[in-house]
Structures are given as C-alpha cells and as structure tokens.
N, C-alpha and C. Protein backbone atom coordinates (compact mmCIF):
# COMPACT_ATOMS: atom_id res chain seq x y z
N MET A 1 -11.70 -17.89 22.44
CA MET A 1 -10.85 -18.08 23.71
C MET A 1 -9.51 -18.98 23.87
N PHE A 2 -9.89 -19.78 23.18
CA PHE A 2 -8.52 -21.26 22.90
C PHE A 2 -7.15 -20.04 22.10
N LEU A 3 -7.35 -19.41 20.85
CA LEU A 3 -6.39 -18.80 20.66
C LEU A 3 -5.92 -17.68 21.12
N LYS A 4 -6.45 -17.22 22.02
CA LYS A 4 -6.14 -16.30 23.23
C LYS A 4 -5.42 -16.70 23.72
N TRP A 5 -5.36 -17.65 24.41
CA TRP A 5 -4.38 -18.31 24.97
C TRP A 5 -3.31 -19.18 24.42
N LEU A 6 -4.10 -20.44 23.51
CA LEU A 6 -2.39 -20.09 22.87
C LEU A 6 -0.99 -19.52 22.48
N HIS A 7 -1.48 -18.08 22.85
CA HIS A 7 -0.82 -16.94 21.94
C HIS A 7 -0.06 -17.14 23.73
N LYS A 8 -0.99 -16.17 24.57
CA LYS A 8 0.02 -15.97 25.87
C LYS A 8 0.72 -17.31 26.31
N ASP A 9 0.62 -18.61 26.22
CA ASP A 9 0.97 -20.16 26.18
C ASP A 9 2.71 -19.54 25.43
N LYS A 10 3.45 -19.63 26.64
CA LYS A 10 4.84 -18.79 25.89
C LYS A 10 5.82 -20.63 25.48
N THR A 11 4.74 -21.85 25.78
CA THR A 11 5.32 -22.96 25.38
C THR A 11 5.87 -23.28 24.32
N VAL A 12 4.79 -22.54 24.03
CA VAL A 12 4.29 -23.27 22.54
C VAL A 12 5.28 -22.12 21.40
N PRO A 13 6.03 -22.60 20.78
CA PRO A 13 6.59 -21.95 19.24
C PRO A 13 5.91 -21.28 18.60
N LYS A 14 6.46 -20.09 18.47
CA LYS A 14 5.21 -19.01 17.29
C LYS A 14 5.25 -18.89 15.80
N ALA A 15 6.11 -20.23 15.58
CA ALA A 15 6.17 -20.52 14.32
C ALA A 15 4.79 -21.83 14.41
N LEU A 16 3.70 -21.93 15.18
CA LEU A 16 2.72 -22.89 14.90
C LEU A 16 1.84 -22.22 15.11
N LEU A 17 2.05 -20.41 16.34
CA LEU A 17 1.03 -20.04 16.30
C LEU A 17 -0.25 -19.21 14.84
N PRO A 18 -1.22 -19.47 14.92
CA PRO A 18 -2.10 -18.21 13.71
C PRO A 18 -1.94 -17.24 13.30
N ARG A 19 -1.50 -16.61 12.93
CA ARG A 19 -1.11 -15.52 11.35
C ARG A 19 -2.26 -14.85 12.40
N ARG A 20 -2.72 -13.29 12.50
CA ARG A 20 -3.29 -12.22 12.85
C ARG A 20 -4.27 -11.72 11.58
N PHE A 21 -2.57 -11.57 11.04
CA PHE A 21 -3.58 -10.91 8.85
C PHE A 21 -2.88 -11.77 8.47
N THR A 22 -3.81 -11.85 6.54
CA THR A 22 -3.63 -12.14 5.78
C THR A 22 -2.23 -11.73 5.09
N ARG A 23 -1.75 -13.02 4.72
CA ARG A 23 -0.46 -12.27 4.56
C ARG A 23 -0.52 -12.71 2.86
N LEU A 24 -0.34 -11.46 2.02
CA LEU A 24 -0.25 -11.97 1.18
C LEU A 24 1.11 -12.23 -0.52
N ASN A 25 0.84 -13.42 -0.52
CA ASN A 25 2.42 -13.45 -1.65
C ASN A 25 2.55 -12.33 -2.96
N ARG A 26 3.58 -10.84 -3.15
CA ARG A 26 3.21 -10.27 -3.46
C ARG A 26 4.33 -9.71 -4.06
N VAL A 27 5.36 -9.34 -5.64
CA VAL A 27 6.51 -8.70 -5.31
C VAL A 27 6.16 -6.91 -5.66
N LEU A 28 6.44 -6.32 -4.87
CA LEU A 28 5.92 -5.17 -4.97
C LEU A 28 7.41 -3.96 -4.25
N SER A 29 7.49 -2.81 -5.36
CA SER A 29 8.81 -2.14 -5.35
C SER A 29 8.96 -1.34 -3.97
N VAL A 30 9.59 -1.34 -3.34
CA VAL A 30 9.21 -0.84 -1.91
C VAL A 30 10.99 0.26 -1.66
N ARG A 31 10.62 1.69 -1.60
CA ARG A 31 11.98 2.62 -1.65
C ARG A 31 12.54 2.63 0.11
N SER A 32 13.38 3.11 0.33
CA SER A 32 13.99 3.21 1.72
C SER A 32 15.42 4.35 1.67
N LYS A 33 15.29 5.32 2.29
CA LYS A 33 16.86 5.61 2.59
C LYS A 33 17.14 5.30 3.13
N ASP A 34 16.86 4.47 4.35
CA ASP A 34 18.17 3.15 4.69
C ASP A 34 18.15 2.10 4.60
N LEU A 35 18.95 2.39 3.58
CA LEU A 35 19.28 0.97 2.19
C LEU A 35 20.39 2.25 1.88
N ARG A 36 21.28 1.32 1.23
CA ARG A 36 22.21 1.90 0.92
C ARG A 36 21.77 2.20 -1.29
N THR A 37 21.48 1.11 -1.43
CA THR A 37 20.81 1.26 -2.83
C THR A 37 18.94 1.98 -3.19
N HIS A 38 18.57 2.72 -2.00
CA HIS A 38 17.43 3.02 -1.54
C HIS A 38 16.35 2.56 -2.43
N ARG A 39 16.88 1.48 -2.62
CA ARG A 39 15.46 0.05 -3.41
C ARG A 39 15.33 -1.24 -2.86
N ALA A 40 14.34 -1.70 -2.94
CA ALA A 40 14.15 -3.39 -2.75
C ALA A 40 13.10 -3.93 -3.00
N THR A 41 12.76 -5.41 -2.59
CA THR A 41 11.43 -5.75 -3.25
C THR A 41 10.71 -6.37 -1.90
N THR A 42 9.16 -6.61 -2.12
CA THR A 42 8.72 -7.94 -1.34
C THR A 42 8.81 -8.59 -1.73
N ARG A 43 8.38 -9.86 -1.03
CA ARG A 43 8.07 -11.53 -1.66
C ARG A 43 6.49 -11.84 -0.69
N ASP A 44 6.72 -10.70 0.11
CA ASP A 44 5.08 -11.01 0.50
C ASP A 44 4.72 -10.10 2.17
N ILE A 45 3.01 -9.60 2.22
CA ILE A 45 3.16 -8.59 2.84
C ILE A 45 1.76 -8.44 3.47
N SER A 46 1.46 -8.45 4.07
CA SER A 46 0.35 -8.48 5.94
C SER A 46 0.47 -6.81 6.00
N LEU A 47 -0.96 -6.70 7.21
CA LEU A 47 -0.98 -5.41 7.31
C LEU A 47 0.20 -5.16 8.89
N SER A 48 0.76 -6.72 9.13
CA SER A 48 1.79 -6.56 10.41
C SER A 48 3.20 -6.60 9.62
N GLY A 49 3.28 -7.07 8.63
CA GLY A 49 5.01 -6.60 8.20
C GLY A 49 4.65 -6.84 6.61
N LEU A 50 6.21 -6.87 6.74
CA LEU A 50 6.56 -8.12 5.65
C LEU A 50 7.46 -8.56 5.05
N LYS A 51 8.27 -9.54 4.20
CA LYS A 51 9.67 -10.03 3.15
C LYS A 51 10.04 -9.15 2.47
N LEU A 52 11.25 -8.60 3.13
CA LEU A 52 12.29 -7.59 2.06
C LEU A 52 13.07 -7.72 1.69
N VAL A 53 13.24 -8.19 0.16
CA VAL A 53 14.28 -8.64 -0.24
C VAL A 53 15.64 -7.79 -0.87
N THR A 54 16.44 -7.73 -0.24
CA THR A 54 17.06 -6.34 -0.68
C THR A 54 18.53 -6.75 -0.84
N SER A 55 19.60 -5.80 -1.22
CA SER A 55 20.73 -6.56 -2.36
C SER A 55 21.93 -6.34 -1.17
N GLU A 56 21.20 -5.36 0.00
CA GLU A 56 22.23 -5.76 1.27
C GLU A 56 22.30 -6.96 2.64
N ASN A 57 22.44 -6.54 3.04
CA ASN A 57 22.17 -7.91 4.25
C ASN A 57 21.77 -7.28 5.39
N LEU A 58 20.71 -6.96 6.02
CA LEU A 58 20.11 -6.17 7.14
C LEU A 58 20.21 -7.11 8.65
N GLU A 59 20.80 -6.50 9.66
CA GLU A 59 20.70 -7.00 10.65
C GLU A 59 19.75 -6.58 11.88
N PRO A 60 19.24 -7.82 12.38
CA PRO A 60 17.82 -7.84 13.26
C PRO A 60 17.98 -6.84 14.07
N ARG A 61 16.84 -6.33 14.54
CA ARG A 61 16.66 -4.76 14.96
C ARG A 61 17.42 -3.78 14.48
N ARG A 62 17.49 -3.69 13.43
CA ARG A 62 17.04 -2.52 12.30
C ARG A 62 16.06 -1.34 12.38
N ALA A 63 15.97 -0.50 12.50
CA ALA A 63 14.69 0.60 12.01
C ALA A 63 14.50 1.18 10.26
N LEU A 64 13.53 1.13 9.39
CA LEU A 64 13.57 1.40 8.32
C LEU A 64 12.55 1.92 7.96
N GLU A 65 12.63 2.79 7.69
CA GLU A 65 11.59 4.13 6.91
C GLU A 65 11.10 3.44 5.53
N LEU A 66 9.77 3.04 5.61
CA LEU A 66 9.76 2.76 4.19
C LEU A 66 8.56 3.42 3.05
N ILE A 67 8.37 3.15 1.82
CA ILE A 67 7.80 3.76 0.77
C ILE A 67 7.16 2.27 -0.06
N ILE A 68 6.32 1.91 0.26
CA ILE A 68 5.61 0.27 -0.36
C ILE A 68 4.94 1.36 -1.74
N ASP A 69 5.57 0.97 -2.93
CA ASP A 69 4.42 1.34 -4.53
C ASP A 69 3.23 0.30 -4.16
N LEU A 70 2.13 0.44 -4.04
CA LEU A 70 1.08 -0.61 -4.33
C LEU A 70 0.58 -0.54 -5.48
N GLU A 71 -0.05 -1.50 -5.64
CA GLU A 71 -0.04 -1.48 -7.61
C GLU A 71 -2.29 -1.33 -7.33
N CYS A 72 -2.92 -0.95 -8.17
CA CYS A 72 -4.25 -1.29 -7.99
C CYS A 72 -4.47 0.38 -7.88
N GLY A 73 -3.78 1.07 -8.76
CA GLY A 73 -3.95 2.64 -8.81
C GLY A 73 -4.13 3.34 -7.39
N LEU A 74 -3.50 2.60 -6.06
CA LEU A 74 -3.03 2.75 -4.45
C LEU A 74 -2.32 3.94 -4.98
N GLU A 75 -1.94 5.14 -4.06
CA GLU A 75 -0.86 5.80 -3.72
C GLU A 75 -0.19 4.87 -2.71
N PRO A 76 1.17 5.08 -2.54
CA PRO A 76 2.50 4.54 -2.32
C PRO A 76 1.81 4.75 -0.76
N ALA A 77 2.77 3.91 0.31
CA ALA A 77 2.26 3.29 1.53
C ALA A 77 3.25 3.35 2.16
N LYS A 78 3.52 4.77 3.16
CA LYS A 78 4.85 4.83 4.17
C LYS A 78 4.10 3.78 5.84
N ALA A 79 5.72 3.15 6.10
CA ALA A 79 5.61 2.83 6.79
C ALA A 79 6.69 2.53 7.94
N GLU A 80 6.86 2.72 9.18
CA GLU A 80 8.54 2.43 9.29
C GLU A 80 8.04 1.03 10.28
N GLY A 81 9.22 0.63 10.25
CA GLY A 81 9.54 -1.22 10.98
C GLY A 81 11.10 -1.25 11.13
N VAL A 82 10.72 -3.29 11.33
CA VAL A 82 12.19 -2.90 12.35
C VAL A 82 12.28 -4.26 11.93
N VAL A 83 13.51 -4.66 11.44
CA VAL A 83 13.70 -6.45 10.71
C VAL A 83 14.18 -6.85 12.43
N VAL A 84 13.28 -8.11 12.12
CA VAL A 84 13.41 -9.02 13.35
C VAL A 84 13.93 -10.90 12.68
N TRP A 85 14.60 -10.66 12.11
CA TRP A 85 14.48 -12.03 11.36
C TRP A 85 15.32 -11.82 9.84
N THR A 86 16.82 -12.31 9.69
CA THR A 86 17.51 -11.92 8.54
C THR A 86 17.87 -13.38 7.89
N ASN A 87 17.64 -13.77 6.84
CA ASN A 87 18.33 -15.00 5.83
C ASN A 87 19.55 -14.28 4.92
N GLN A 88 20.70 -14.40 5.40
CA GLN A 88 22.41 -13.48 4.58
C GLN A 88 22.11 -14.51 3.28
N GLU A 89 22.11 -15.89 3.04
CA GLU A 89 22.06 -16.27 1.61
C GLU A 89 21.31 -16.11 0.88
N THR A 90 19.93 -15.99 1.10
CA THR A 90 18.88 -14.80 0.45
C THR A 90 18.33 -13.65 0.15
N ARG A 91 19.26 -12.57 1.01
CA ARG A 91 19.90 -11.22 1.38
C ARG A 91 17.56 -11.29 1.73
N GLU A 92 17.01 -11.98 2.30
CA GLU A 92 15.69 -11.90 2.56
C GLU A 92 15.64 -11.75 4.36
N ALA A 93 14.92 -10.70 4.66
CA ALA A 93 14.54 -10.13 5.72
C ALA A 93 13.05 -9.94 6.83
N GLY A 94 12.75 -9.92 7.21
CA GLY A 94 11.40 -10.21 7.90
C GLY A 94 11.12 -8.68 8.85
N ILE A 95 10.17 -7.90 8.25
CA ILE A 95 10.14 -6.56 8.65
C ILE A 95 8.73 -6.70 9.56
N VAL A 96 8.88 -6.04 10.88
CA VAL A 96 7.98 -6.09 11.57
C VAL A 96 6.75 -5.10 11.42
N PHE A 97 6.07 -3.66 11.15
CA PHE A 97 5.26 -2.70 11.00
C PHE A 97 5.64 -1.64 12.51
N SER A 98 6.24 -1.01 12.74
CA SER A 98 6.63 -0.78 14.07
C SER A 98 5.34 0.77 14.14
N HIS A 99 5.12 1.59 13.49
CA HIS A 99 4.04 2.89 12.39
C HIS A 99 3.89 2.35 11.95
N VAL A 100 2.83 2.80 11.34
CA VAL A 100 1.88 3.09 10.16
C VAL A 100 0.91 4.54 10.37
N PRO A 101 1.13 5.44 9.51
CA PRO A 101 -0.25 6.10 9.82
C PRO A 101 -1.71 5.16 9.30
N GLY A 102 -2.06 5.80 9.71
CA GLY A 102 -3.72 5.46 9.76
C GLY A 102 -4.41 5.41 7.76
N PRO A 103 -4.45 6.69 7.15
CA PRO A 103 -4.22 6.67 6.06
C PRO A 103 -3.67 5.24 5.51
N ASP A 104 -2.36 5.24 5.61
CA ASP A 104 -1.78 4.08 5.20
C ASP A 104 -1.64 2.56 5.10
N LEU A 105 -2.51 2.52 6.33
CA LEU A 105 -2.74 1.37 6.69
C LEU A 105 -4.10 0.74 6.11
N GLU A 106 -5.08 1.83 5.56
CA GLU A 106 -6.00 1.38 4.90
C GLU A 106 -5.67 1.31 4.00
N ARG A 107 -4.98 2.32 3.52
CA ARG A 107 -4.02 1.81 1.83
C ARG A 107 -4.08 0.33 1.68
N ILE A 108 -2.77 -0.38 2.01
CA ILE A 108 -2.72 -1.58 2.63
C ILE A 108 -3.37 -2.55 2.78
N GLN A 109 -5.11 -2.46 3.53
CA GLN A 109 -5.20 -3.25 3.38
C GLN A 109 -6.68 -3.04 2.62
N ARG A 110 -7.48 -2.24 1.51
CA ARG A 110 -7.45 -2.37 0.47
C ARG A 110 -6.69 -3.22 -0.43
N PHE A 111 -5.66 -3.06 -0.82
CA PHE A 111 -4.92 -3.57 -1.61
C PHE A 111 -4.74 -4.70 -1.84
N ILE A 112 -5.16 -5.70 -0.52
CA ILE A 112 -4.59 -6.76 0.41
C ILE A 112 -6.08 -7.19 -0.24
N ALA A 113 -6.78 -6.65 -0.21
CA ALA A 113 -8.56 -7.21 -0.18
C ALA A 113 -9.09 -7.42 -1.34
N SER A 114 -8.61 -6.46 -2.48
CA SER A 114 -8.47 -5.89 -3.75
C SER A 114 -8.11 -7.27 -4.65
N ILE A 115 -6.24 -8.09 -4.02
CA ILE A 115 -6.12 -8.64 -4.22
C ILE A 115 -6.34 -10.10 -4.18
N GLU A 116 -6.89 -10.33 -3.22
CA GLU A 116 -7.73 -11.29 -2.18
C GLU A 116 -9.20 -11.77 -3.05
N ASN A 117 -9.85 -10.79 -3.24
CA ASN A 117 -11.06 -10.58 -4.17
C ASN A 117 -11.06 -10.78 -5.11
N THR A 118 -9.67 -10.45 -6.15
CA THR A 118 -10.20 -10.75 -7.75
C THR A 118 -9.16 -12.18 -7.60
N ARG A 119 -8.67 -13.01 -6.92
CA ARG A 119 -8.55 -14.29 -6.37
C ARG A 119 -9.08 -15.23 -6.00
N ARG A 120 -10.20 -14.88 -5.56
CA ARG A 120 -11.14 -15.59 -5.39
C ARG A 120 -11.98 -15.29 -6.34
N LYS A 121 -12.20 -14.56 -6.76
CA LYS A 121 -13.51 -14.41 -7.96
C LYS A 121 -12.80 -15.24 -9.16
N VAL A 122 -11.38 -15.55 -9.21
CA VAL A 122 -11.52 -16.26 -10.72
C VAL A 122 -11.32 -17.88 -10.33
N LEU A 123 -10.62 -17.90 -8.76
CA LEU A 123 -11.20 -19.52 -8.20
C LEU A 123 -12.63 -20.09 -8.55
N LYS A 124 -13.52 -19.17 -8.47
CA LYS A 124 -14.79 -18.97 -8.36
C LYS A 124 -15.33 -20.03 -9.77
N ASP A 125 -14.47 -18.51 -10.67
CA ASP A 125 -14.63 -18.98 -12.03
C ASP A 125 -14.58 -20.05 -12.40
C-alpha cells in the first residue's frame, strides 16, 4: 500500500522510488536499423528498459527498434523503445521499452532470472 502511494505522490523525486523490476548489470550486443552504426551495447537491462551505449548521441523521445542479443543460448529479443534520458559525454542513453512481444519479454525475463540465479548460487557457495 505504501509503495502504491509513494509512486502516486508527485512530490517524491523519481530517483528515490524503488524499481519495479530487477536491473541486471550486463554488457550485451544490440542491433538497430535506427542507429547509424546499426550496433550498440547495453550497460544494464531490466524488463522495463535498458541503458544503451552507442557511438552516436541520441536525443530524448527518439523511438528505436532493438534486437538484443541475449546469452544463455536464448534467441535474440526484439523490443521497441524510447530514449528517456541521455548523457552526451558517455554516449549513454536510458531506453524505456514501449512494446516487447510476449515471447521476447519472456526470453528477457528468463535471461535475467538465469543470471541472477547463477549469481546467488555462487554467492551461496
């Protein structure tokens, strides 16, 4: 109940809100016809978006079609996203997913869960 209220309270800075999805710090290859070089990498990924690193500066509100090369023997995931923030110095951009087909979202979820489970197992041992 408290978290629901917290998210609705417009006076609370977004940076202080808890994340809805696990964010996995991982470098993955990303392809997109919407980028000049057609290639980029991630810094992190979650079910709601990713941090993209590219050789070009992206502008906020720019729409992108992405193909994310997942590991763990999974097929690449297709996603549509929108740039929500950029850092011109590091050429990083925050991308929020606007549409991810169900099977692709499931693959991203399995990928994140697989890495997290492996990480927990290593820490436990």
